């Protein structure tokens, strides 16, 4: 015969199934998810730095160049799986600023002029 405490214990186990009874895989520790997310963020930063540095060669050197340098540096600091792309982003960002300096020196203006 069941006592009140036995019935209470049975009710608790029935309402809260764990991973062993449901057949689901146990949840991964939060640290591995954060690490995976950080690595993914660092990879995205490396690619973004490269794309912004490349685009900055043509337009908006003043904004895209420093942004590419910062994002590439952050990606390297966070140990990206794409260090070459991060370094290219940094190099292209610096090239953006060099081109901007050359244009300012030649024209005396902060904007492109085709004529």
Foldseek 3Di string as FASTA:
>chain_A
DDDPVRVVVVVVCVVDPDCVVVVHDDDDDPVVVVLVVLQVQLQVLLQQLLVLLVVLLPDDLVPSLVSSLVSLVVSVVSPHPCNVSSVNSNVSSVVSVVVQVVCCVVPVDNDDDPD
